[in-house]
Amino acid sequence: MTSHTAPLTSFSTEPSITEISTTEPSTTGFSITDVEPLLNIMEKLRDPQTGCPWDKAQTFQTIVPFTLEEAYEVADTIERLAWDELPDELGDLLFQIVFYCQLGKELGLFDFATVIEKISDKLTRRHPHVFGEQNPQIGDSAQAMKANWEAIKATEREQKAQQVAGETQADTVVSALDNIPLTQPALSRSIKIQQRVARVGFDWAELEPVVAKIHEEIDEVLHEVNQPEQDQAKVQSEMGDLLFAVVNLARHLKVDPEQALRQANLKFERRFRGVEQLANDSGKSMQEHTLMELDAYWDQVKATETR
């Protein structure tokens, strides 16, 4: 497990079918059905008497950061087109799932077979056009399939809410925002919230009010900033509203805000490194330059980039 946090760029470059189809199959002797050895390794690592002290000390909660790290490393490998590294990184991510399954097995909650059964049932249920009778009213376009997928998920959320209501004897209202993880990164959670409410009609049809909302939120941020006694909590709240509005604009423009921000991060990093190089070439440190001089370097670097 490599310890690094790499900025992720847009998945704009994809391998050709030739690159994928010419990949040599595994020569290790393992087949895709040989999951049992990995499960046995995990069980041995957690053995109360002979297992690894670190593995034995882990819980569901302590493993989560490693799962996130491994997922980012998979994404980083794909973005770098490092296909020779990808099987190793996917193995690390798979091991996280196996770890959770071992913990679940020890507590009598679930095991690896349960996870396979759950995802198999879900995929079959959500693809009736593949595994069941094709409904001619659905259509066969990707857009129609996505709409049907969302409709099925909405039905599942309603059934889950009704089940909870039955267990608690509570009058539960099914919300379009049910089952959006609170721990999901804020940027992706914002767009998920906006997509959900848009499906039930809570959305602007034109771009003008979307942009106007951003200007409104900027004014509200500045209003709080310019108070004689600045309330940082209010400033933060208004900044949150502004960021949410900007995400909404990205959604209306069909721009992935996460990818756009990653690209902006990489662009800034590339240009700033260029500024550092020019400063070094001048014989003076960055701190010895004025901001005007550094801005001039920035413009120089920017002018050399191809658009």
Protein backbone atom coordinates (compact mmCIF):
# COMPACT_ATOMS: atom_id res chain seq x y z
CA MET A 1 0.00 0.00 0.00
CA THR A 2 1.68 3.19 -1.18
CA SER A 3 1.27 6.22 1.04
CA HIS A 4 0.62 9.22 -1.19
CA THR A 5 -2.21 11.50 -2.16
CA ALA A 6 -1.96 12.28 -5.86
CA PRO A 7 -4.10 14.93 -7.55
CA LEU A 8 -6.42 13.29 -10.01
CA THR A 9 -6.90 14.57 -13.52
CA SER A 10 -9.87 14.10 -15.82
CA PHE A 11 -10.42 10.66 -17.27
CA SER A 12 -10.11 12.16 -20.74
CA THR A 13 -7.68 9.63 -22.21
CA GLU A 14 -8.85 6.08 -22.57
CA PRO A 15 -7.02 2.99 -23.82
CA SER A 16 -7.89 1.74 -27.25
CA ILE A 17 -9.57 -1.61 -27.70
CA THR A 18 -6.26 -2.88 -29.09
CA GLU A 19 -4.46 -1.96 -25.89
CA ILE A 20 -7.00 -3.83 -23.83
CA SER A 21 -7.45 -6.90 -26.04
CA THR A 22 -3.71 -7.57 -26.39
CA THR A 23 -3.20 -7.84 -22.63
CA GLU A 24 -1.75 -11.25 -21.82
CA PRO A 25 -3.86 -13.46 -19.52
CA SER A 26 -2.57 -14.40 -16.10
CA THR A 27 0.14 -17.04 -16.11
CA THR A 28 0.13 -17.57 -12.34
CA GLY A 29 -2.14 -20.59 -12.44
CA PHE A 30 -4.93 -18.78 -10.64
CA SER A 31 -8.41 -18.63 -12.15
CA ILE A 32 -11.18 -16.13 -11.52
CA THR A 33 -12.85 -18.66 -9.22
CA ASP A 34 -9.86 -18.90 -6.89
CA VAL A 35 -11.10 -16.45 -4.26
CA GLU A 36 -10.91 -18.98 -1.44
CA PRO A 37 -7.09 -18.71 -0.99
CA LEU A 38 -7.41 -14.95 -0.46
CA LEU A 39 -10.23 -15.46 2.05
CA ASN A 40 -8.08 -18.02 3.86
CA ILE A 41 -5.14 -15.59 3.97
CA MET A 42 -7.38 -12.96 5.51
CA GLU A 43 -8.73 -15.41 8.07
CA LYS A 44 -5.19 -16.44 9.03
CA LEU A 45 -4.13 -12.80 9.41
CA ARG A 46 -6.99 -12.33 11.89
CA ASP A 47 -6.37 -15.60 13.79
CA PRO A 48 -6.59 -14.75 17.53
CA GLN A 49 -3.51 -16.85 18.38
CA THR A 50 -1.21 -16.77 15.35
CA GLY A 51 -2.46 -13.79 13.35
CA CYS A 52 -0.79 -10.45 12.63
CA PRO A 53 -1.10 -8.03 15.59
CA TRP A 54 -1.91 -5.10 13.29
CA ASP A 55 -4.61 -6.95 11.36
CA LYS A 56 -6.14 -8.31 14.58
CA ALA A 57 -6.40 -4.79 16.00
CA GLN A 58 -8.45 -3.40 13.08
CA THR A 59 -12.18 -2.65 13.09
CA PHE A 60 -14.68 -1.55 10.46
CA GLN A 61 -14.00 2.06 11.41
CA THR A 62 -10.20 1.90 11.36
CA ILE A 63 -10.10 0.28 7.91
CA VAL A 64 -12.16 3.02 6.20
CA PRO A 65 -9.23 5.46 5.64
CA PHE A 66 -7.22 2.70 3.97
CA THR A 67 -10.16 1.83 1.72
CA LEU A 68 -10.41 5.45 0.56
CA GLU A 69 -6.66 5.60 -0.01
CA GLU A 70 -6.70 2.43 -2.10
CA ALA A 71 -9.63 3.71 -4.19
CA TYR A 72 -7.71 6.91 -4.93
CA GLU A 73 -4.63 4.90 -5.87
CA VAL A 74 -6.69 2.90 -8.36
CA ALA A 75 -7.99 6.14 -9.87
CA ASP A 76 -4.48 7.62 -9.97
CA THR A 77 -3.15 4.53 -11.75
CA ILE A 78 -5.90 4.72 -14.38
CA GLU A 79 -5.33 8.42 -14.98
CA ARG A 80 -1.61 7.77 -15.48
CA LEU A 81 -2.51 4.92 -17.89
CA ALA A 82 -0.23 2.69 -15.83
CA TRP A 83 -1.96 -0.53 -16.86
CA ASP A 84 0.89 -2.72 -15.60
CA GLU A 85 0.32 -1.30 -12.09
CA LEU A 86 -3.48 -1.55 -12.17
CA PRO A 87 -3.86 -5.26 -11.25
CA ASP A 88 -1.75 -4.69 -8.14
CA GLU A 89 -3.76 -1.64 -7.10
CA LEU A 90 -7.07 -3.42 -7.79
CA GLY A 91 -5.80 -6.27 -5.63
CA ASP A 92 -5.19 -3.83 -2.78
CA LEU A 93 -8.74 -2.54 -3.17
CA LEU A 94 -10.17 -6.06 -3.33
CA PHE A 95 -8.32 -6.89 -0.13
CA GLN A 96 -10.22 -4.09 1.61
CA ILE A 97 -13.50 -5.81 0.70
CA VAL A 98 -12.16 -9.15 1.90
CA PHE A 99 -11.11 -7.49 5.17
CA TYR A 100 -14.62 -6.11 5.77
CA CYS A 101 -16.10 -9.51 4.98
CA GLN A 102 -13.84 -11.20 7.51
CA LEU A 103 -14.87 -8.69 10.17
CA GLY A 104 -18.52 -9.28 9.28
CA LYS A 105 -18.04 -13.05 9.43
CA GLU A 106 -16.45 -12.84 12.87
CA LEU A 107 -19.43 -10.85 14.16
CA GLY A 108 -21.95 -13.14 12.51
CA LEU A 109 -23.23 -10.32 10.28
CA PHE A 110 -22.25 -11.37 6.74
CA ASP A 111 -19.42 -12.91 4.75
CA PHE A 112 -17.92 -12.70 1.27
CA ALA A 113 -20.64 -14.93 -0.19
CA THR A 114 -23.28 -12.54 1.19
CA VAL A 115 -21.65 -9.60 -0.57
CA ILE A 116 -21.51 -11.47 -3.89
CA GLU A 117 -25.15 -12.49 -3.53
CA LYS A 118 -26.25 -8.93 -2.73
CA ILE A 119 -24.51 -7.28 -5.69
CA SER A 120 -25.59 -10.06 -8.08
CA ASP A 121 -29.23 -9.68 -7.04
CA LYS A 122 -29.04 -5.89 -7.28
CA LEU A 123 -27.51 -5.86 -10.77
CA THR A 124 -30.03 -8.39 -12.01
CA ARG A 125 -32.92 -6.45 -10.49
CA ARG A 126 -31.75 -3.12 -11.92
CA HIS A 127 -31.22 -4.49 -15.43
CA PRO A 128 -34.60 -6.02 -16.32
CA HIS A 129 -33.91 -5.20 -19.99
CA VAL A 130 -30.98 -7.63 -19.86
CA PHE A 131 -32.04 -10.31 -17.39
CA GLY A 132 -35.81 -10.07 -17.77
CA GLU A 133 -38.39 -9.20 -20.38
CA GLN A 134 -37.70 -6.01 -22.31
CA ASN A 135 -40.32 -3.36 -21.67
CA PRO A 136 -40.96 -1.59 -25.01
CA GLN A 137 -41.98 1.54 -23.11
CA ILE A 138 -38.45 1.91 -21.72
CA GLY A 139 -36.62 2.17 -25.05
CA ASP A 140 -33.11 1.01 -25.77
CA SER A 141 -31.00 4.18 -25.60
CA ALA A 142 -28.42 4.78 -22.87
CA GLN A 143 -30.48 7.75 -21.65
CA ALA A 144 -33.61 5.59 -21.39
CA MET A 145 -31.66 2.91 -19.53
CA LYS A 146 -30.35 5.48 -17.05
CA ALA A 147 -33.85 6.84 -16.46
CA ASN A 148 -35.15 3.34 -15.83
CA TRP A 149 -32.21 2.64 -13.48
CA GLU A 150 -33.05 5.74 -11.44
CA ALA A 151 -36.74 4.79 -11.36
CA ILE A 152 -35.84 1.36 -9.98
CA LYS A 153 -33.55 2.91 -7.37
CA ALA A 154 -36.34 5.31 -6.34
CA THR A 155 -38.69 2.36 -5.88
CA GLU A 156 -36.05 0.61 -3.76
CA ARG A 157 -35.65 3.73 -1.58
CA GLU A 158 -39.42 3.88 -1.08
CA GLN A 159 -39.55 0.20 -0.12
CA LYS A 160 -36.69 0.69 2.32
CA ALA A 161 -38.40 3.70 3.90
CA GLN A 162 -41.64 1.73 4.25
CA GLN A 163 -39.71 -1.09 5.90
CA VAL A 164 -38.15 1.33 8.39
CA ALA A 165 -41.55 2.86 9.05
CA GLY A 166 -42.99 -0.57 9.74
CA GLU A 167 -40.18 -1.44 12.15
CA THR A 168 -40.40 1.86 14.05
CA GLN A 169 -44.15 2.40 13.74
CA ALA A 170 -43.33 5.89 12.49
CA ASP A 171 -45.01 7.88 9.75
CA THR A 172 -41.96 8.14 7.47
CA VAL A 173 -42.02 10.41 4.42
CA VAL A 174 -40.06 9.02 1.49
CA SER A 175 -37.59 11.69 0.39
CA ALA A 176 -35.82 12.08 -2.93
CA LEU A 177 -32.71 12.65 -0.81
CA ASP A 178 -32.83 9.37 1.07
CA ASN A 179 -29.70 7.19 1.13
CA ILE A 180 -27.16 9.80 0.04
CA PRO A 181 -24.18 8.98 2.32
CA LEU A 182 -23.32 11.76 4.78
CA THR A 183 -19.66 10.76 4.53
CA GLN A 184 -19.56 11.23 0.74
CA PRO A 185 -17.11 14.01 -0.24
CA ALA A 186 -18.95 17.32 -0.08
CA LEU A 187 -18.45 18.23 -3.74
CA SER A 188 -19.81 14.96 -5.13
CA ARG A 189 -22.57 14.91 -2.50
CA SER A 190 -23.68 18.40 -3.60
CA ILE A 191 -24.14 17.33 -7.20
CA LYS A 192 -25.89 14.13 -6.10
CA ILE A 193 -28.36 16.21 -4.04
CA GLN A 194 -28.97 18.56 -6.97
CA GLN A 195 -29.50 15.68 -9.40
CA ARG A 196 -32.01 14.06 -7.07
CA VAL A 197 -34.13 17.18 -6.54
CA ALA A 198 -33.98 18.02 -10.26
CA ARG A 199 -35.62 14.68 -11.06
CA VAL A 200 -38.69 15.69 -9.06
CA GLY A 201 -38.90 19.12 -10.72
CA PHE A 202 -37.02 21.29 -8.19
CA ASP A 203 -34.66 22.91 -10.70
CA TRP A 204 -34.33 25.90 -13.01
CA ALA A 205 -34.94 25.20 -16.68
CA GLU A 206 -32.79 28.14 -17.86
CA LEU A 207 -29.21 29.12 -17.13
CA GLU A 208 -29.90 32.77 -16.22
CA PRO A 209 -31.31 32.19 -12.70
CA VAL A 210 -28.52 29.70 -11.99
CA VAL A 211 -25.90 32.36 -12.73
CA ALA A 212 -27.92 35.02 -10.89
CA LYS A 213 -27.91 32.82 -7.79
CA ILE A 214 -24.09 32.78 -7.83
CA HIS A 215 -23.97 36.58 -7.94
CA GLU A 216 -26.49 36.69 -5.10
CA GLU A 217 -24.38 34.35 -2.98
CA ILE A 218 -21.21 36.39 -3.70
CA ASP A 219 -23.01 39.52 -2.46
CA GLU A 220 -24.05 37.69 0.71
CA VAL A 221 -20.48 36.51 1.35
CA LEU A 222 -19.17 40.06 0.94
CA HIS A 223 -21.95 41.40 3.18
CA GLU A 224 -20.75 39.16 6.01
CA VAL A 225 -17.06 39.87 5.32
CA ASN A 226 -17.65 43.63 5.50
CA GLN A 227 -19.44 43.59 8.86
CA PRO A 228 -17.73 45.70 11.59
CA GLU A 229 -17.47 42.54 13.70
CA GLN A 230 -17.01 39.61 11.36
CA ASP A 231 -18.77 36.37 12.33
CA GLN A 232 -16.63 33.56 10.92
CA ALA A 233 -19.45 31.03 11.26
CA LYS A 234 -21.71 33.19 9.07
CA VAL A 235 -18.90 33.72 6.55
CA GLN A 236 -18.40 29.97 6.33
CA SER A 237 -22.14 29.39 5.91
CA GLU A 238 -22.38 31.90 3.07
CA MET A 239 -19.25 30.45 1.42
CA GLY A 240 -20.93 27.06 1.54
CA ASP A 241 -23.99 28.48 -0.21
CA LEU A 242 -21.73 30.03 -2.86
CA LEU A 243 -19.89 26.76 -3.52
CA PHE A 244 -23.20 24.89 -3.74
CA ALA A 245 -24.43 27.42 -6.32
CA VAL A 246 -21.24 27.04 -8.38
CA VAL A 247 -21.68 23.24 -8.36
CA ASN A 248 -25.22 23.80 -9.64
CA LEU A 249 -23.86 25.85 -12.54
CA ALA A 250 -21.40 23.06 -13.37
CA ARG A 251 -24.24 20.55 -13.37
CA HIS A 252 -26.32 22.70 -15.74
CA LEU A 253 -23.30 23.00 -18.05
CA LYS A 254 -22.81 19.20 -17.89
CA VAL A 255 -19.38 19.68 -16.33
CA ASP A 256 -18.19 17.30 -13.63
CA PRO A 257 -17.13 19.75 -10.88
CA GLU A 258 -14.75 17.23 -9.33
CA GLN A 259 -12.90 16.69 -12.60
CA ALA A 260 -12.95 20.41 -13.39
CA LEU A 261 -11.42 21.25 -10.01
CA ARG A 262 -8.79 18.52 -10.35
CA GLN A 263 -7.82 19.93 -13.74
CA ALA A 264 -7.63 23.43 -12.25
CA ASN A 265 -5.42 22.13 -9.43
CA LEU A 266 -3.05 20.50 -11.91
CA LYS A 267 -2.99 23.60 -14.10
CA PHE A 268 -2.16 25.85 -11.16
CA GLU A 269 0.52 23.44 -9.92
CA ARG A 270 2.12 23.24 -13.37
CA ARG A 271 2.18 27.02 -13.77
CA PHE A 272 3.44 27.67 -10.25
CA ARG A 273 6.31 25.24 -10.76
CA GLY A 274 7.14 27.25 -13.87
CA VAL A 275 7.15 30.43 -11.78
CA GLU A 276 9.50 28.77 -9.28
CA GLN A 277 11.83 27.76 -12.13
CA LEU A 278 11.94 31.30 -13.52
CA ALA A 279 12.58 32.70 -10.05
CA ASN A 280 15.42 30.23 -9.56
CA ASP A 281 16.88 31.13 -12.95
CA SER A 282 16.93 34.79 -11.90
CA GLY A 283 19.29 34.02 -9.03
CA LYS A 284 16.82 35.26 -6.39
CA SER A 285 14.59 33.31 -4.06
CA MET A 286 10.80 33.50 -4.34
CA GLN A 287 10.67 35.59 -1.18
CA GLU A 288 13.05 38.16 -2.67
CA HIS A 289 10.67 38.85 -5.55
CA THR A 290 7.81 41.30 -5.42
CA LEU A 291 4.31 40.05 -6.16
CA MET A 292 4.39 42.09 -9.37
CA GLU A 293 7.53 40.24 -10.50
CA LEU A 294 5.99 36.87 -9.67
CA ASP A 295 2.82 37.83 -11.56
CA ALA A 296 4.99 38.67 -14.57
CA TYR A 297 6.58 35.20 -14.34
CA TRP A 298 3.10 33.69 -14.16
CA ASP A 299 2.05 35.51 -17.33
CA GLN A 300 5.26 34.35 -19.01
CA VAL A 301 4.58 30.71 -18.13
CA LYS A 302 0.97 31.00 -19.18
CA ALA A 303 1.94 32.46 -22.55
CA THR A 304 4.14 29.45 -23.33
CA GLU A 305 1.31 26.95 -22.84
CA THR A 306 -0.57 25.61 -25.81
CA ARG A 307 -4.32 25.93 -25.54
